[in-house]
Amino acid sequence: MARPEKEAVVKELTEKFSSAKSLVIADYLGLNVAEMTELRSKLREAGVEFKVVKNTLATIAANDVDMEEVTEYFSGPTAIAFGEEDAVSPAKVLVDFAKDHEILEIKAGFLNGEIINKDKVEALAKIPSREELLAKAFAGMKAPLSGLVNVLQGNIRGLVQVLSQIKEEKA
């Protein structure tokens, strides 16, 4: 790669490191073309960008955005999944893919300004998606209201019966 091309790659990686909510670093050695294509497709569907990077260029970019602690994981074949929309998506997709393809090795991740190890990346992958959490929150908020409506309906029915009995007695 010529120097201007390397500078462009470093600039792009610097922007990705600074804008990503989370990232997951993986070793992809041993995956064939079909498997890599499948992985990239799943990541794209989840809104995650996946880049195979040169370790020296990734190290320069990480140092530019004060992420020096990540550079220790830049050895061997390195690919990085950047989660710019959702912090959980990169971990979720890569962990799911690694279950079926043991060749893919998750090295580490970066979330909220700190490095997370492989175990924490796997724990992050188990967190429900944003949509699932919102659905659970709305269901939790709806339950008391439904209960209140049911209670009031029962009381209103009783009130109507009492009033109709009083009406019959007076008639």
N, C-alpha and C. Protein backbone atom coordinates (compact mmCIF):
# COMPACT_ATOMS: atom_id res chain seq x y z
N MET A 1 0.84 -1.18 0.00
CA MET A 1 0.00 0.00 0.00
C MET A 1 0.88 1.24 0.00
N ALA A 2 0.53 2.19 -0.81
CA ALA A 2 1.28 3.44 -0.86
C ALA A 2 0.93 4.29 0.36
N ARG A 3 1.78 5.23 0.67
CA ARG A 3 1.60 6.05 1.87
C ARG A 3 0.24 6.78 1.91
N PRO A 4 -0.21 7.42 0.82
CA PRO A 4 -1.52 8.10 0.88
C PRO A 4 -2.67 7.12 1.18
N GLU A 5 -2.57 5.89 0.65
CA GLU A 5 -3.61 4.90 0.92
C GLU A 5 -3.61 4.51 2.39
N LYS A 6 -2.42 4.36 2.96
CA LYS A 6 -2.31 4.02 4.37
C LYS A 6 -2.87 5.14 5.24
N GLU A 7 -2.57 6.38 4.88
CA GLU A 7 -3.09 7.52 5.63
C GLU A 7 -4.62 7.57 5.58
N ALA A 8 -5.19 7.22 4.42
CA ALA A 8 -6.65 7.21 4.28
C ALA A 8 -7.25 6.11 5.16
N VAL A 9 -6.61 4.95 5.21
CA VAL A 9 -7.10 3.85 6.05
C VAL A 9 -7.02 4.24 7.52
N VAL A 10 -5.91 4.85 7.93
CA VAL A 10 -5.76 5.28 9.33
C VAL A 10 -6.82 6.31 9.67
N LYS A 11 -7.07 7.25 8.76
CA LYS A 11 -8.09 8.27 9.01
C LYS A 11 -9.47 7.63 9.17
N GLU A 12 -9.80 6.68 8.30
CA GLU A 12 -11.09 6.00 8.37
C GLU A 12 -11.22 5.22 9.68
N LEU A 13 -10.17 4.51 10.06
CA LEU A 13 -10.20 3.75 11.31
C LEU A 13 -10.32 4.68 12.52
N THR A 14 -9.63 5.80 12.47
CA THR A 14 -9.71 6.78 13.57
C THR A 14 -11.14 7.27 13.74
N GLU A 15 -11.80 7.57 12.62
CA GLU A 15 -13.19 8.01 12.68
C GLU A 15 -14.10 6.91 13.24
N LYS A 16 -13.87 5.67 12.82
CA LYS A 16 -14.68 4.55 13.29
C LYS A 16 -14.46 4.31 14.78
N PHE A 17 -13.20 4.37 15.23
CA PHE A 17 -12.91 4.17 16.65
C PHE A 17 -13.60 5.24 17.50
N SER A 18 -13.61 6.46 17.02
CA SER A 18 -14.19 7.54 17.83
C SER A 18 -15.71 7.57 17.77
N SER A 19 -16.33 7.08 16.69
CA SER A 19 -17.79 7.15 16.57
C SER A 19 -18.51 5.89 17.01
N ALA A 20 -17.82 4.78 17.12
CA ALA A 20 -18.47 3.51 17.46
C ALA A 20 -18.88 3.47 18.93
N LYS A 21 -20.09 2.95 19.18
CA LYS A 21 -20.55 2.76 20.56
C LYS A 21 -19.81 1.59 21.20
N SER A 22 -19.51 0.59 20.37
CA SER A 22 -18.74 -0.56 20.84
C SER A 22 -18.00 -1.17 19.66
N LEU A 23 -17.02 -1.99 19.99
CA LEU A 23 -16.34 -2.73 18.94
C LEU A 23 -15.89 -4.07 19.50
N VAL A 24 -15.79 -5.04 18.61
CA VAL A 24 -15.34 -6.38 18.98
C VAL A 24 -14.20 -6.74 18.05
N ILE A 25 -13.10 -7.21 18.65
CA ILE A 25 -11.91 -7.59 17.89
C ILE A 25 -11.89 -9.11 17.80
N ALA A 26 -11.69 -9.63 16.59
CA ALA A 26 -11.73 -11.07 16.38
C ALA A 26 -10.58 -11.53 15.49
N ASP A 27 -10.25 -12.80 15.63
CA ASP A 27 -9.27 -13.46 14.78
C ASP A 27 -10.07 -14.34 13.83
N TYR A 28 -9.97 -14.08 12.55
CA TYR A 28 -10.78 -14.76 11.55
C TYR A 28 -10.02 -15.84 10.80
N LEU A 29 -8.77 -16.11 11.17
CA LEU A 29 -7.92 -17.06 10.45
C LEU A 29 -8.58 -18.44 10.39
N GLY A 30 -8.70 -18.96 9.19
CA GLY A 30 -9.29 -20.27 9.00
C GLY A 30 -10.69 -20.24 8.41
N LEU A 31 -11.32 -19.07 8.41
CA LEU A 31 -12.64 -18.96 7.78
C LEU A 31 -12.45 -18.91 6.28
N ASN A 32 -13.25 -19.68 5.55
CA ASN A 32 -13.14 -19.62 4.09
C ASN A 32 -13.98 -18.46 3.56
N VAL A 33 -13.94 -18.26 2.27
CA VAL A 33 -14.61 -17.12 1.65
C VAL A 33 -16.12 -17.17 1.89
N ALA A 34 -16.72 -18.35 1.77
CA ALA A 34 -18.16 -18.48 1.97
C ALA A 34 -18.54 -18.12 3.41
N GLU A 35 -17.75 -18.57 4.37
CA GLU A 35 -18.03 -18.26 5.76
C GLU A 35 -17.86 -16.77 6.06
N MET A 36 -16.82 -16.17 5.50
CA MET A 36 -16.62 -14.72 5.68
C MET A 36 -17.77 -13.94 5.06
N THR A 37 -18.23 -14.36 3.91
CA THR A 37 -19.35 -13.71 3.24
C THR A 37 -20.61 -13.82 4.09
N GLU A 38 -20.84 -15.00 4.65
CA GLU A 38 -21.99 -15.21 5.52
C GLU A 38 -21.91 -14.32 6.76
N LEU A 39 -20.72 -14.24 7.36
CA LEU A 39 -20.51 -13.40 8.54
C LEU A 39 -20.74 -11.94 8.22
N ARG A 40 -20.17 -11.47 7.13
CA ARG A 40 -20.34 -10.07 6.74
C ARG A 40 -21.82 -9.75 6.48
N SER A 41 -22.54 -10.69 5.88
CA SER A 41 -23.96 -10.49 5.60
C SER A 41 -24.75 -10.36 6.90
N LYS A 42 -24.48 -11.23 7.87
CA LYS A 42 -25.19 -11.17 9.15
C LYS A 42 -24.87 -9.87 9.88
N LEU A 43 -23.63 -9.45 9.82
CA LEU A 43 -23.24 -8.20 10.48
C LEU A 43 -23.90 -7.00 9.81
N ARG A 44 -23.95 -7.02 8.49
CA ARG A 44 -24.57 -5.92 7.75
C ARG A 44 -26.05 -5.80 8.09
N GLU A 45 -26.74 -6.96 8.21
CA GLU A 45 -28.16 -6.96 8.58
C GLU A 45 -28.38 -6.34 9.95
N ALA A 46 -27.40 -6.52 10.84
CA ALA A 46 -27.50 -5.99 12.21
C ALA A 46 -27.01 -4.55 12.30
N GLY A 47 -26.59 -3.96 11.19
CA GLY A 47 -26.11 -2.58 11.20
C GLY A 47 -24.70 -2.44 11.75
N VAL A 48 -23.91 -3.48 11.59
CA VAL A 48 -22.54 -3.50 12.11
C VAL A 48 -21.57 -3.51 10.94
N GLU A 49 -20.53 -2.68 11.04
CA GLU A 49 -19.50 -2.66 10.00
C GLU A 49 -18.35 -3.55 10.43
N PHE A 50 -17.86 -4.37 9.51
CA PHE A 50 -16.81 -5.35 9.79
C PHE A 50 -15.62 -5.06 8.89
N LYS A 51 -14.47 -4.84 9.50
CA LYS A 51 -13.27 -4.51 8.73
C LYS A 51 -12.13 -5.44 9.11
N VAL A 52 -11.48 -5.98 8.08
CA VAL A 52 -10.21 -6.67 8.28
C VAL A 52 -9.15 -5.59 8.22
N VAL A 53 -8.31 -5.53 9.25
CA VAL A 53 -7.37 -4.41 9.36
C VAL A 53 -5.93 -4.90 9.46
N LYS A 54 -5.04 -4.03 9.03
CA LYS A 54 -3.61 -4.25 9.27
C LYS A 54 -3.33 -3.78 10.69
N ASN A 55 -2.61 -4.60 11.43
CA ASN A 55 -2.38 -4.31 12.85
C ASN A 55 -1.64 -2.99 13.07
N THR A 56 -0.66 -2.69 12.23
CA THR A 56 0.10 -1.45 12.42
C THR A 56 -0.78 -0.23 12.19
N LEU A 57 -1.64 -0.29 11.16
CA LEU A 57 -2.51 0.85 10.87
C LEU A 57 -3.59 0.99 11.96
N ALA A 58 -4.12 -0.14 12.44
CA ALA A 58 -5.11 -0.09 13.51
C ALA A 58 -4.48 0.46 14.79
N THR A 59 -3.24 0.11 15.06
CA THR A 59 -2.55 0.61 16.24
C THR A 59 -2.37 2.12 16.17
N ILE A 60 -1.98 2.62 15.02
CA ILE A 60 -1.81 4.07 14.84
C ILE A 60 -3.15 4.78 15.07
N ALA A 61 -4.22 4.23 14.48
CA ALA A 61 -5.54 4.85 14.62
C ALA A 61 -6.02 4.81 16.07
N ALA A 62 -5.81 3.69 16.76
CA ALA A 62 -6.23 3.57 18.16
C ALA A 62 -5.46 4.54 19.04
N ASN A 63 -4.18 4.73 18.76
CA ASN A 63 -3.38 5.68 19.53
C ASN A 63 -3.84 7.11 19.30
N ASP A 64 -4.33 7.39 18.09
CA ASP A 64 -4.81 8.73 17.76
C ASP A 64 -6.05 9.13 18.57
N VAL A 65 -6.84 8.14 18.99
CA VAL A 65 -8.07 8.43 19.74
C VAL A 65 -7.98 7.96 21.20
N ASP A 66 -6.77 7.85 21.70
CA ASP A 66 -6.52 7.46 23.10
C ASP A 66 -7.15 6.13 23.48
N MET A 67 -6.98 5.14 22.61
CA MET A 67 -7.45 3.78 22.90
C MET A 67 -6.26 2.83 22.92
N GLU A 68 -5.18 3.24 23.57
CA GLU A 68 -3.94 2.47 23.56
C GLU A 68 -4.12 1.06 24.10
N GLU A 69 -5.01 0.88 25.08
CA GLU A 69 -5.17 -0.44 25.70
C GLU A 69 -5.71 -1.49 24.73
N VAL A 70 -6.33 -1.06 23.64
CA VAL A 70 -6.86 -1.99 22.65
C VAL A 70 -5.73 -2.57 21.80
N THR A 71 -4.64 -1.85 21.66
CA THR A 71 -3.59 -2.25 20.73
C THR A 71 -2.93 -3.57 21.07
N GLU A 72 -3.00 -4.02 22.32
CA GLU A 72 -2.39 -5.30 22.68
C GLU A 72 -3.09 -6.47 21.99
N TYR A 73 -4.31 -6.26 21.49
CA TYR A 73 -5.05 -7.32 20.81
C TYR A 73 -4.85 -7.29 19.29
N PHE A 74 -4.07 -6.37 18.81
CA PHE A 74 -3.79 -6.29 17.38
C PHE A 74 -2.58 -7.13 17.04
N SER A 75 -2.77 -8.44 16.99
CA SER A 75 -1.72 -9.35 16.57
C SER A 75 -2.37 -10.47 15.80
N GLY A 76 -1.66 -10.98 14.83
CA GLY A 76 -2.24 -12.01 13.97
C GLY A 76 -3.30 -11.40 13.07
N PRO A 77 -4.06 -12.26 12.41
CA PRO A 77 -5.13 -11.75 11.54
C PRO A 77 -6.21 -11.08 12.40
N THR A 78 -6.45 -9.82 12.14
CA THR A 78 -7.37 -9.06 12.99
C THR A 78 -8.51 -8.47 12.17
N ALA A 79 -9.71 -8.65 12.70
CA ALA A 79 -10.90 -8.03 12.12
C ALA A 79 -11.64 -7.33 13.26
N ILE A 80 -12.24 -6.21 12.94
CA ILE A 80 -12.95 -5.44 13.96
C ILE A 80 -14.39 -5.21 13.50
N ALA A 81 -15.33 -5.48 14.41
CA ALA A 81 -16.75 -5.21 14.16
C ALA A 81 -17.10 -3.95 14.92
N PHE A 82 -17.56 -2.92 14.20
CA PHE A 82 -17.90 -1.62 14.79
C PHE A 82 -19.41 -1.50 14.94
N GLY A 83 -19.88 -1.28 16.15
CA GLY A 83 -21.30 -1.06 16.39
C GLY A 83 -21.56 0.42 16.57
N GLU A 84 -22.05 1.06 15.52
CA GLU A 84 -22.27 2.49 15.58
C GLU A 84 -23.69 2.83 16.01
N GLU A 85 -24.65 1.94 15.74
CA GLU A 85 -26.05 2.20 16.11
C GLU A 85 -26.39 1.56 17.45
N ASP A 86 -25.95 0.33 17.63
CA ASP A 86 -26.30 -0.45 18.82
C ASP A 86 -25.03 -1.04 19.41
N ALA A 87 -24.83 -0.89 20.71
CA ALA A 87 -23.61 -1.36 21.34
C ALA A 87 -23.58 -2.88 21.48
N VAL A 88 -24.73 -3.53 21.45
CA VAL A 88 -24.79 -4.97 21.68
C VAL A 88 -24.67 -5.78 20.39
N SER A 89 -25.06 -5.22 19.26
CA SER A 89 -25.12 -5.96 18.01
C SER A 89 -23.82 -6.63 17.59
N PRO A 90 -22.65 -5.95 17.64
CA PRO A 90 -21.43 -6.64 17.21
C PRO A 90 -21.15 -7.89 18.03
N ALA A 91 -21.31 -7.78 19.33
CA ALA A 91 -21.05 -8.93 20.21
C ALA A 91 -22.05 -10.05 19.93
N LYS A 92 -23.31 -9.69 19.80
CA LYS A 92 -24.37 -10.67 19.59
C LYS A 92 -24.13 -11.48 18.31
N VAL A 93 -23.85 -10.80 17.21
CA VAL A 93 -23.66 -11.48 15.93
C VAL A 93 -22.40 -12.33 15.95
N LEU A 94 -21.29 -11.77 16.43
CA LEU A 94 -20.04 -12.53 16.42
C LEU A 94 -20.08 -13.73 17.35
N VAL A 95 -20.67 -13.59 18.52
CA VAL A 95 -20.76 -14.72 19.45
C VAL A 95 -21.65 -15.81 18.86
N ASP A 96 -22.78 -15.43 18.26
CA ASP A 96 -23.66 -16.41 17.63
C ASP A 96 -22.94 -17.13 16.49
N PHE A 97 -22.20 -16.37 15.69
CA PHE A 97 -21.48 -16.96 14.56
C PHE A 97 -20.37 -17.88 15.06
N ALA A 98 -19.70 -17.49 16.13
CA ALA A 98 -18.59 -18.29 16.67
C ALA A 98 -19.07 -19.62 17.25
N LYS A 99 -20.35 -19.69 17.66
CA LYS A 99 -20.90 -20.96 18.16
C LYS A 99 -20.90 -22.01 17.05
N ASP A 100 -21.26 -21.59 15.83
CA ASP A 100 -21.32 -22.51 14.71
C ASP A 100 -19.98 -22.67 14.00
N HIS A 101 -19.10 -21.69 14.14
CA HIS A 101 -17.79 -21.70 13.46
C HIS A 101 -16.71 -21.46 14.51
N GLU A 102 -16.26 -22.53 15.12
CA GLU A 102 -15.31 -22.42 16.23
C GLU A 102 -13.98 -21.81 15.82
N ILE A 103 -13.74 -21.72 14.54
CA ILE A 103 -12.49 -21.13 14.04
C ILE A 103 -12.42 -19.64 14.38
N LEU A 104 -13.57 -18.98 14.35
CA LEU A 104 -13.62 -17.55 14.67
C LEU A 104 -13.36 -17.37 16.15
N GLU A 105 -12.32 -16.63 16.48
CA GLU A 105 -11.95 -16.42 17.88
C GLU A 105 -12.15 -14.95 18.24
N ILE A 106 -12.96 -14.72 19.24
CA ILE A 106 -13.16 -13.35 19.72
C ILE A 106 -12.03 -13.05 20.68
N LYS A 107 -11.31 -11.96 20.40
CA LYS A 107 -10.17 -11.59 21.25
C LYS A 107 -10.59 -10.70 22.41
N ALA A 108 -11.32 -9.64 22.10
CA ALA A 108 -11.72 -8.67 23.13
C ALA A 108 -12.75 -7.72 22.52
N GLY A 109 -13.17 -6.78 23.33
CA GLY A 109 -14.09 -5.76 22.88
C GLY A 109 -13.79 -4.44 23.55
N PHE A 110 -14.49 -3.42 23.14
CA PHE A 110 -14.32 -2.09 23.72
C PHE A 110 -15.70 -1.49 23.87
N LEU A 111 -16.05 -1.09 25.11
CA LEU A 111 -17.38 -0.57 25.38
C LEU A 111 -17.28 0.49 26.46
N ASN A 112 -17.92 1.63 26.23
CA ASN A 112 -17.95 2.73 27.21
C ASN A 112 -16.56 3.14 27.69
N GLY A 113 -15.62 3.19 26.78
CA GLY A 113 -14.29 3.68 27.12
C GLY A 113 -13.39 2.69 27.81
N GLU A 114 -13.81 1.43 27.91
CA GLU A 114 -12.93 0.46 28.55
C GLU A 114 -12.91 -0.86 27.77
N ILE A 115 -11.80 -1.54 27.90
CA ILE A 115 -11.60 -2.81 27.23
C ILE A 115 -12.39 -3.89 27.97
N ILE A 116 -13.01 -4.78 27.24
CA ILE A 116 -13.70 -5.91 27.87
C ILE A 116 -13.14 -7.20 27.29
N ASN A 117 -12.96 -8.19 28.14
CA ASN A 117 -12.38 -9.45 27.69
C ASN A 117 -13.42 -10.31 26.98
N LYS A 118 -12.98 -11.47 26.52
CA LYS A 118 -13.86 -12.36 25.75
C LYS A 118 -15.10 -12.76 26.55
N ASP A 119 -14.93 -13.05 27.83
CA ASP A 119 -16.07 -13.45 28.66
C ASP A 119 -17.12 -12.34 28.76
N LYS A 120 -16.65 -11.12 28.89
CA LYS A 120 -17.59 -9.99 28.98
C LYS A 120 -18.27 -9.73 27.64
N VAL A 121 -17.55 -9.98 26.55
CA VAL A 121 -18.17 -9.84 25.23
C VAL A 121 -19.30 -10.86 25.09
N GLU A 122 -19.05 -12.09 25.56
CA GLU A 122 -20.08 -13.12 25.50
C GLU A 122 -21.27 -12.77 26.40
N ALA A 123 -20.99 -12.18 27.57
CA ALA A 123 -22.07 -11.74 28.45
C ALA A 123 -22.87 -10.60 27.81
N LEU A 124 -22.17 -9.70 27.14
CA LEU A 124 -22.82 -8.60 26.44
C LEU A 124 -23.75 -9.13 25.35
N ALA A 125 -23.34 -10.20 24.70
CA ALA A 125 -24.15 -10.79 23.63
C ALA A 125 -25.45 -11.36 24.15
N LYS A 126 -25.51 -11.71 25.43
CA LYS A 126 -26.72 -12.29 26.00
C LYS A 126 -27.76 -11.25 26.39
N ILE A 127 -27.37 -9.99 26.40
CA ILE A 127 -28.31 -8.91 26.73
C ILE A 127 -29.34 -8.81 25.62
N PRO A 128 -30.62 -8.70 25.97
CA PRO A 128 -31.65 -8.57 24.94
C PRO A 128 -31.43 -7.30 24.11
N SER A 129 -31.93 -7.33 22.89
CA SER A 129 -31.78 -6.19 22.00
C SER A 129 -32.59 -5.01 22.52
N ARG A 130 -32.36 -3.86 21.97
CA ARG A 130 -33.05 -2.63 22.38
C ARG A 130 -34.56 -2.78 22.21
N GLU A 131 -34.96 -3.39 21.09
CA GLU A 131 -36.38 -3.56 20.81
C GLU A 131 -37.04 -4.47 21.85
N GLU A 132 -36.32 -5.57 22.22
CA GLU A 132 -36.86 -6.48 23.23
C GLU A 132 -37.00 -5.78 24.58
N LEU A 133 -35.99 -4.99 24.95
CA LEU A 133 -36.05 -4.27 26.22
C LEU A 133 -37.18 -3.26 26.24
N LEU A 134 -37.38 -2.54 25.12
CA LEU A 134 -38.49 -1.59 25.04
C LEU A 134 -39.84 -2.30 25.14
N ALA A 135 -39.96 -3.44 24.49
CA ALA A 135 -41.22 -4.20 24.54
C ALA A 135 -41.51 -4.64 25.97
N LYS A 136 -40.48 -5.11 26.67
CA LYS A 136 -40.66 -5.54 28.06
C LYS A 136 -41.04 -4.35 28.95
N ALA A 137 -40.41 -3.21 28.70
CA ALA A 137 -40.72 -2.02 29.50
C ALA A 137 -42.17 -1.57 29.28
N PHE A 138 -42.61 -1.56 28.03
CA PHE A 138 -43.99 -1.16 27.75
C PHE A 138 -44.99 -2.17 28.32
N ALA A 139 -44.65 -3.45 28.25
CA ALA A 139 -45.53 -4.47 28.83
C ALA A 139 -45.62 -4.28 30.34
N GLY A 140 -44.50 -3.94 30.96
CA GLY A 140 -44.50 -3.69 32.40
C GLY A 140 -45.31 -2.46 32.78
N MET A 141 -45.29 -1.45 31.93
CA MET A 141 -46.08 -0.25 32.20
C MET A 141 -47.56 -0.49 31.93
N LYS A 142 -47.86 -1.36 31.00
CA LYS A 142 -49.25 -1.62 30.62
C LYS A 142 -49.96 -2.49 31.66
N ALA A 143 -49.24 -3.39 32.30
CA ALA A 143 -49.85 -4.34 33.24
C ALA A 143 -50.63 -3.66 34.36
N PRO A 144 -50.07 -2.66 35.06
CA PRO A 144 -50.86 -2.02 36.12
C PRO A 144 -52.12 -1.33 35.60
N LEU A 145 -52.02 -0.74 34.42
CA LEU A 145 -53.21 -0.08 33.84
C LEU A 145 -54.29 -1.09 33.52
N SER A 146 -53.90 -2.24 32.97
CA SER A 146 -54.88 -3.28 32.67
C SER A 146 -55.54 -3.78 33.94
N GLY A 147 -54.74 -3.96 34.99
CA GLY A 147 -55.29 -4.38 36.27
C GLY A 147 -56.27 -3.36 36.82
N LEU A 148 -55.95 -2.09 36.70
CA LEU A 148 -56.83 -1.03 37.19
C LEU A 148 -58.15 -1.06 36.43
N VAL A 149 -58.09 -1.23 35.14
CA VAL A 149 -59.32 -1.28 34.33
C VAL A 149 -60.17 -2.47 34.75
N ASN A 150 -59.54 -3.62 34.98
CA ASN A 150 -60.30 -4.81 35.40
C ASN A 150 -60.95 -4.59 36.76
N VAL A 151 -60.24 -3.98 37.69
CA VAL A 151 -60.79 -3.71 39.01
C VAL A 151 -61.96 -2.75 38.89
N LEU A 152 -61.79 -1.70 38.12
CA LEU A 152 -62.87 -0.72 37.97
C LEU A 152 -64.09 -1.33 37.29
N GLN A 153 -63.87 -2.21 36.31
CA GLN A 153 -65.00 -2.85 35.65
C GLN A 153 -65.81 -3.67 36.63
N GLY A 154 -65.11 -4.40 37.50
CA GLY A 154 -65.80 -5.20 38.50
C GLY A 154 -66.60 -4.33 39.45
N ASN A 155 -66.02 -3.22 39.90
CA ASN A 155 -66.71 -2.30 40.81
C ASN A 155 -67.89 -1.62 40.13
N ILE A 156 -67.74 -1.27 38.89
CA ILE A 156 -68.83 -0.61 38.16
C ILE A 156 -69.98 -1.58 37.97
N ARG A 157 -69.70 -2.84 37.67
CA ARG A 157 -70.75 -3.85 37.53
C ARG A 157 -71.53 -3.98 38.83
N GLY A 158 -70.80 -4.03 39.94
CA GLY A 158 -71.44 -4.13 41.25
C GLY A 158 -72.30 -2.92 41.54
N LEU A 159 -71.80 -1.74 41.20
CA LEU A 159 -72.54 -0.50 41.41
C LEU A 159 -73.82 -0.50 40.59
N VAL A 160 -73.75 -0.95 39.36
CA VAL A 160 -74.92 -0.99 38.49
C VAL A 160 -75.96 -1.95 39.07
N GLN A 161 -75.53 -3.09 39.58
CA GLN A 161 -76.47 -4.05 40.17
C GLN A 161 -77.14 -3.48 41.41
N VAL A 162 -76.35 -2.82 42.27
CA VAL A 162 -76.92 -2.21 43.47
C VAL A 162 -77.93 -1.14 43.09
N LEU A 163 -77.61 -0.29 42.13
CA LEU A 163 -78.53 0.76 41.69
C LEU A 163 -79.79 0.18 41.08
N SER A 164 -79.68 -0.91 40.32
CA SER A 164 -80.88 -1.51 39.73
C SER A 164 -81.75 -2.15 40.80
N GLN A 165 -81.14 -2.71 41.86
CA GLN A 165 -81.94 -3.27 42.95
C GLN A 165 -82.66 -2.15 43.71
N ILE A 166 -81.99 -1.05 43.96
CA ILE A 166 -82.61 0.10 44.62
C ILE A 166 -83.77 0.61 43.77
N LYS A 167 -83.61 0.66 42.49
CA LYS A 167 -84.66 1.13 41.57
C LYS A 167 -85.87 0.21 41.65
N GLU A 168 -85.62 -1.12 41.69
CA GLU A 168 -86.72 -2.10 41.76
C GLU A 168 -87.47 -1.96 43.10
N GLU A 169 -86.72 -1.73 44.20
CA GLU A 169 -87.35 -1.60 45.50
C GLU A 169 -88.24 -0.36 45.57
N LYS A 170 -87.80 0.71 44.98
CA LYS A 170 -88.57 1.96 45.03
C LYS A 170 -89.73 1.93 44.05
N ALA A 171 -89.69 1.08 43.08
CA ALA A 171 -90.76 1.04 42.08
C ALA A 171 -91.92 0.24 42.51
